[in-house]
Amino acid sequence: MSVFDVILLFLAGFLSGAANAVAGGGTFITFGAMTLVGLPPIVANATSSVTQFPGYVTSTLAYAADIRHFWRQALLLCLISAFGALAGALILLALDNPSFRAMVPWLLLAATALFAAGPWLKPSPKPDHEASVGSLVGSLAQFLTSIYGGFFGAGMGVMMLATLGITQSGDYHKLNALKNMLAMVIAAVAIVVFVSGGVVAWPQAIVMIPGGALGGYAGVWIAKRVPQNVVRGFVVAVGLFLAFYYFAKG
């Protein structure tokens, strides 16, 4: 890596962590930065999962008090998420880079549209004391979402929060806690598959992870001073830029 690459990746990690702390969508930034420094799209996607994982862990820990009320019921969805993520990650590894590259702009457009629609997809509060997490429809929706998450993680959080809001009970904070917990499981399984498949670019990941940690911390400061719509607009612009970049390269 050149000095420029190191600076770009660190800044991308920082912006990703800050974006996730304020509005989400950090995967767009990490994936885009790694493709711009020359990593193949499959490697960039897999490495992005590694760089996002610490944020999923800390977000889950922050909701520990909420998760304590329903973690036993959530174990079924965790298991379903693990199998879905395994399937999605294996599907990714079964593709070659040209095949995945052809899919990337369409995936980015879909994920960007989903992310942009996020404010309208947030679940309405359901003031049940405990979240019910074991319905058949909810399990199927989570399985499909986790396949997508294992295959291509951009927009996964918004998608999951939307499906959980439709299929599960509980107020917004409990559903968000459940989403963070399931996202951590999906990312962990996908990372194991990607590491086993040898498609993680560790030097780039090591540069980006501390940037993401600092960005996540700074995101609290940003959230108090910058309107969420501004951050969301920036992430949407990055997603559209990357989509058209890949259309142009294709």
Protein backbone atom coordinates (compact mmCIF):
# COMPACT_ATOMS: atom_id res chain seq x y z
CA MET A 1 0.00 0.00 0.00
CA SER A 2 1.12 3.52 -0.76
CA VAL A 3 0.96 6.33 1.78
CA PHE A 4 -2.04 7.70 -0.12
CA ASP A 5 -3.82 4.33 0.17
CA VAL A 6 -3.20 4.20 3.93
CA ILE A 7 -4.55 7.72 4.42
CA LEU A 8 -7.59 7.05 2.21
CA LEU A 9 -8.44 3.79 3.98
CA PHE A 10 -8.01 5.28 7.45
CA LEU A 11 -10.23 8.23 6.56
CA ALA A 12 -12.79 5.86 5.03
CA GLY A 13 -12.78 3.83 8.24
CA PHE A 14 -13.27 7.02 10.24
CA LEU A 15 -16.15 8.23 8.05
CA SER A 16 -17.71 4.78 8.10
CA GLY A 17 -17.66 4.62 11.89
CA ALA A 18 -19.08 8.13 12.15
CA ALA A 19 -21.81 7.42 9.59
CA ASN A 20 -22.83 4.23 11.37
CA ALA A 21 -23.03 6.06 14.69
CA VAL A 22 -25.27 8.77 13.24
CA ALA A 23 -27.34 7.27 10.43
CA GLY A 24 -25.86 3.93 9.29
CA GLY A 25 -24.55 3.05 5.83
CA GLY A 26 -20.86 2.82 6.70
CA THR A 27 -20.42 -0.25 4.48
CA PHE A 28 -20.83 1.93 1.38
CA ILE A 29 -17.78 3.94 2.41
CA THR A 30 -15.48 1.05 3.37
CA PHE A 31 -16.41 -1.00 0.30
CA GLY A 32 -15.93 1.97 -1.99
CA ALA A 33 -12.55 2.94 -0.54
CA MET A 34 -11.16 -0.57 -0.89
CA THR A 35 -12.26 -0.85 -4.51
CA LEU A 36 -10.73 2.55 -5.26
CA VAL A 37 -7.32 1.38 -3.96
CA GLY A 38 -7.49 -1.60 -6.29
CA LEU A 39 -8.91 -4.50 -4.28
CA PRO A 40 -11.11 -6.92 -6.26
CA PRO A 41 -14.81 -6.51 -5.39
CA ILE A 42 -15.13 -9.87 -3.61
CA VAL A 43 -12.09 -9.11 -1.44
CA ALA A 44 -13.37 -5.56 -0.78
CA ASN A 45 -16.77 -6.91 0.25
CA ALA A 46 -15.29 -9.56 2.54
CA THR A 47 -12.81 -7.16 4.12
CA SER A 48 -15.58 -4.62 4.68
CA SER A 49 -17.39 -7.22 6.80
CA VAL A 50 -14.31 -7.46 9.02
CA THR A 51 -14.02 -3.70 9.43
CA GLN A 52 -17.72 -3.35 10.35
CA PHE A 53 -17.75 -6.18 12.92
CA PRO A 54 -16.38 -4.26 15.95
CA GLY A 55 -19.18 -1.72 15.54
CA TYR A 56 -21.80 -4.49 15.61
CA VAL A 57 -20.28 -5.84 18.82
CA THR A 58 -20.23 -2.49 20.62
CA SER A 59 -23.78 -1.67 19.45
CA THR A 60 -24.99 -5.00 20.80
CA LEU A 61 -23.25 -4.42 24.13
CA ALA A 62 -24.86 -0.98 24.36
CA TYR A 63 -28.26 -2.70 24.22
CA ALA A 64 -27.35 -5.41 26.74
CA ALA A 65 -30.05 -4.32 29.21
CA ASP A 66 -32.76 -4.66 26.54
CA ILE A 67 -31.42 -7.94 25.13
CA ARG A 68 -31.47 -9.48 28.61
CA HIS A 69 -35.29 -9.53 28.47
CA PHE A 70 -35.60 -11.60 25.30
CA TRP A 71 -32.27 -13.27 24.51
CA ARG A 72 -33.64 -16.80 25.05
CA GLN A 73 -36.37 -16.27 22.49
CA ALA A 74 -33.88 -14.57 20.15
CA LEU A 75 -31.63 -17.64 20.04
CA LEU A 76 -33.82 -19.16 17.31
CA LEU A 77 -33.39 -16.09 15.12
CA CYS A 78 -29.65 -16.11 15.86
CA LEU A 79 -29.46 -19.72 14.63
CA ILE A 80 -31.51 -18.90 11.53
CA SER A 81 -29.30 -15.87 10.88
CA ALA A 82 -26.17 -18.00 11.16
CA PHE A 83 -27.42 -20.47 8.54
CA GLY A 84 -28.55 -17.67 6.25
CA ALA A 85 -25.23 -15.84 6.56
CA LEU A 86 -23.37 -19.09 5.87
CA ALA A 87 -25.40 -19.59 2.70
CA GLY A 88 -24.89 -16.00 1.55
CA ALA A 89 -21.14 -16.02 2.19
CA LEU A 90 -20.70 -19.36 0.39
CA ILE A 91 -22.67 -18.03 -2.59
CA LEU A 92 -20.29 -15.06 -2.73
CA LEU A 93 -17.22 -17.31 -2.67
CA ALA A 94 -18.72 -19.46 -5.43
CA LEU A 95 -18.68 -16.44 -7.77
CA ASP A 96 -15.66 -15.11 -9.62
CA ASN A 97 -14.78 -11.44 -9.50
CA PRO A 98 -16.14 -10.59 -12.99
CA SER A 99 -19.50 -12.17 -12.14
CA PHE A 100 -19.72 -10.35 -8.81
CA ARG A 101 -18.50 -7.11 -10.39
CA ALA A 102 -21.43 -7.25 -12.83
CA MET A 103 -23.84 -7.55 -9.90
CA VAL A 104 -22.25 -4.84 -7.74
CA PRO A 105 -23.82 -1.71 -9.33
CA TRP A 106 -27.30 -3.24 -9.11
CA LEU A 107 -26.70 -4.30 -5.51
CA LEU A 108 -25.44 -0.83 -4.68
CA LEU A 109 -28.44 0.85 -6.29
CA ALA A 110 -30.86 -1.41 -4.41
CA ALA A 111 -29.02 -0.93 -1.10
CA THR A 112 -28.81 2.85 -1.63
CA ALA A 113 -32.55 3.06 -2.35
CA LEU A 114 -33.25 0.99 0.73
CA PHE A 115 -30.99 3.16 2.86
CA ALA A 116 -32.55 6.37 1.51
CA ALA A 117 -36.00 5.01 2.38
CA GLY A 118 -34.83 4.09 5.89
CA PRO A 119 -36.71 6.86 7.74
CA TRP A 120 -39.98 5.65 6.22
CA LEU A 121 -39.21 2.00 6.96
CA LYS A 122 -38.67 2.39 10.70
CA PRO A 123 -41.10 0.22 12.67
CA SER A 124 -43.96 1.82 14.57
CA PRO A 125 -43.60 1.37 18.34
CA LYS A 126 -45.54 -1.62 19.67
CA PRO A 127 -45.68 -1.23 23.45
CA ASP A 128 -45.47 -4.91 24.35
CA HIS A 129 -43.45 -5.67 27.44
CA GLU A 130 -41.37 -8.26 25.63
CA ALA A 131 -40.56 -8.78 21.99
CA SER A 132 -42.02 -11.89 20.40
CA VAL A 133 -39.37 -13.26 18.09
CA GLY A 134 -40.45 -16.75 17.10
CA SER A 135 -43.09 -16.39 14.33
CA LEU A 136 -42.80 -18.46 11.16
CA VAL A 137 -43.08 -15.43 8.87
CA GLY A 138 -40.51 -13.57 10.95
CA SER A 139 -38.12 -16.51 10.83
CA LEU A 140 -38.40 -16.78 7.04
CA ALA A 141 -37.92 -13.03 6.59
CA GLN A 142 -34.84 -13.12 8.82
CA PHE A 143 -33.39 -16.08 6.92
CA LEU A 144 -33.69 -14.23 3.59
CA THR A 145 -32.27 -11.04 5.10
CA SER A 146 -29.32 -12.92 6.57
CA ILE A 147 -28.54 -14.51 3.19
CA TYR A 148 -28.31 -11.02 1.76
CA GLY A 149 -26.21 -9.91 4.75
CA GLY A 150 -23.74 -12.75 4.30
CA PHE A 151 -23.53 -12.07 0.56
CA PHE A 152 -23.42 -8.25 0.51
CA GLY A 153 -23.85 -6.35 3.74
CA ALA A 154 -24.65 -2.82 2.50
CA GLY A 155 -28.11 -1.80 3.68
CA MET A 156 -28.56 -4.95 5.77
CA GLY A 157 -29.35 -3.06 8.98
CA VAL A 158 -32.12 -1.00 7.39
CA MET A 159 -33.57 -4.08 5.71
CA MET A 160 -33.52 -6.05 8.95
CA LEU A 161 -35.07 -3.29 11.00
CA ALA A 162 -37.87 -2.98 8.45
CA THR A 163 -38.66 -6.73 8.41
CA LEU A 164 -38.43 -7.01 12.19
CA GLY A 165 -40.83 -4.11 12.54
CA ILE A 166 -43.36 -5.92 10.35
CA THR A 167 -42.98 -9.43 11.78
CA GLN A 168 -42.06 -8.94 15.46
CA SER A 169 -43.55 -7.18 18.46
CA GLY A 170 -41.79 -4.81 20.84
CA ASP A 171 -40.95 -1.11 20.83
CA TYR A 172 -38.38 0.46 18.52
CA HIS A 173 -35.45 0.17 20.93
CA LYS A 174 -36.04 -3.53 21.52
CA LEU A 175 -36.28 -4.17 17.79
CA ASN A 176 -33.10 -2.17 17.20
CA ALA A 177 -31.35 -4.16 19.93
CA LEU A 178 -32.47 -7.39 18.25
CA LYS A 179 -31.28 -6.09 14.89
CA ASN A 180 -27.82 -5.30 16.29
CA MET A 181 -27.57 -8.73 17.90
CA LEU A 182 -28.53 -10.53 14.68
CA ALA A 183 -26.21 -8.34 12.58
CA MET A 184 -23.32 -9.34 14.85
CA VAL A 185 -24.12 -13.03 14.30
CA ILE A 186 -24.41 -12.60 10.53
CA ALA A 187 -21.12 -10.71 10.31
CA ALA A 188 -19.30 -13.22 12.54
CA VAL A 189 -20.37 -16.21 10.42
CA ALA A 190 -19.57 -14.41 7.17
CA ILE A 191 -16.13 -13.44 8.46
CA VAL A 192 -15.32 -17.04 9.38
CA VAL A 193 -16.24 -18.12 5.85
CA PHE A 194 -14.29 -15.29 4.23
CA VAL A 195 -11.20 -15.90 6.35
CA SER A 196 -11.36 -19.62 5.57
CA GLY A 197 -11.68 -18.76 1.88
CA GLY A 198 -8.63 -16.49 2.03
CA VAL A 199 -10.43 -13.43 0.63
CA VAL A 200 -9.79 -10.95 3.48
CA ALA A 201 -7.18 -8.24 2.82
CA TRP A 202 -5.75 -7.99 6.33
CA PRO A 203 -3.34 -5.03 5.81
CA GLN A 204 -6.22 -2.88 4.57
CA ALA A 205 -8.49 -4.11 7.35
CA ILE A 206 -5.89 -3.30 10.02
CA VAL A 207 -5.61 0.26 8.69
CA MET A 208 -9.37 0.81 8.65
CA ILE A 209 -10.42 -0.73 11.98
CA PRO A 210 -8.81 1.95 14.22
CA GLY A 211 -10.24 4.63 11.95
CA GLY A 212 -13.67 3.08 12.39
CA ALA A 213 -13.26 3.00 16.16
CA LEU A 214 -12.33 6.69 16.26
CA GLY A 215 -15.14 7.53 13.85
CA GLY A 216 -17.66 5.72 16.01
CA TYR A 217 -16.58 7.74 19.00
CA ALA A 218 -16.62 10.99 17.03
CA GLY A 219 -20.04 10.07 15.66
CA VAL A 220 -21.56 10.89 19.05
CA TRP A 221 -20.15 14.41 18.76
CA ILE A 222 -21.29 14.68 15.13
CA ALA A 223 -24.79 13.45 15.99
CA LYS A 224 -25.21 16.38 18.38
CA ARG A 225 -24.14 18.98 15.82
CA VAL A 226 -24.86 17.72 12.29
CA PRO A 227 -28.44 16.93 11.20
CA GLN A 228 -28.94 13.23 10.52
CA ASN A 229 -30.39 14.07 7.11
CA VAL A 230 -27.05 15.62 6.10
CA VAL A 231 -25.13 12.47 7.02
CA ARG A 232 -27.78 10.29 5.34
CA GLY A 233 -27.53 12.43 2.20
CA PHE A 234 -23.74 12.00 2.17
CA VAL A 235 -24.02 8.21 2.44
CA VAL A 236 -26.66 8.10 -0.33
CA ALA A 237 -24.38 10.21 -2.55
CA VAL A 238 -21.50 7.78 -1.93
CA GLY A 239 -23.74 4.82 -2.80
CA LEU A 240 -24.92 6.43 -6.05
CA PHE A 241 -21.38 7.43 -6.99
CA LEU A 242 -20.14 3.88 -6.49
CA ALA A 243 -23.07 2.40 -8.42
CA PHE A 244 -22.45 4.63 -11.44
CA TYR A 245 -18.70 4.08 -11.11
CA TYR A 246 -19.22 0.34 -11.49
CA PHE A 247 -21.72 0.83 -14.34
CA ALA A 248 -19.09 2.92 -16.14
CA LYS A 249 -16.35 0.35 -15.52
CA GLY A 250 -18.57 -2.58 -16.52
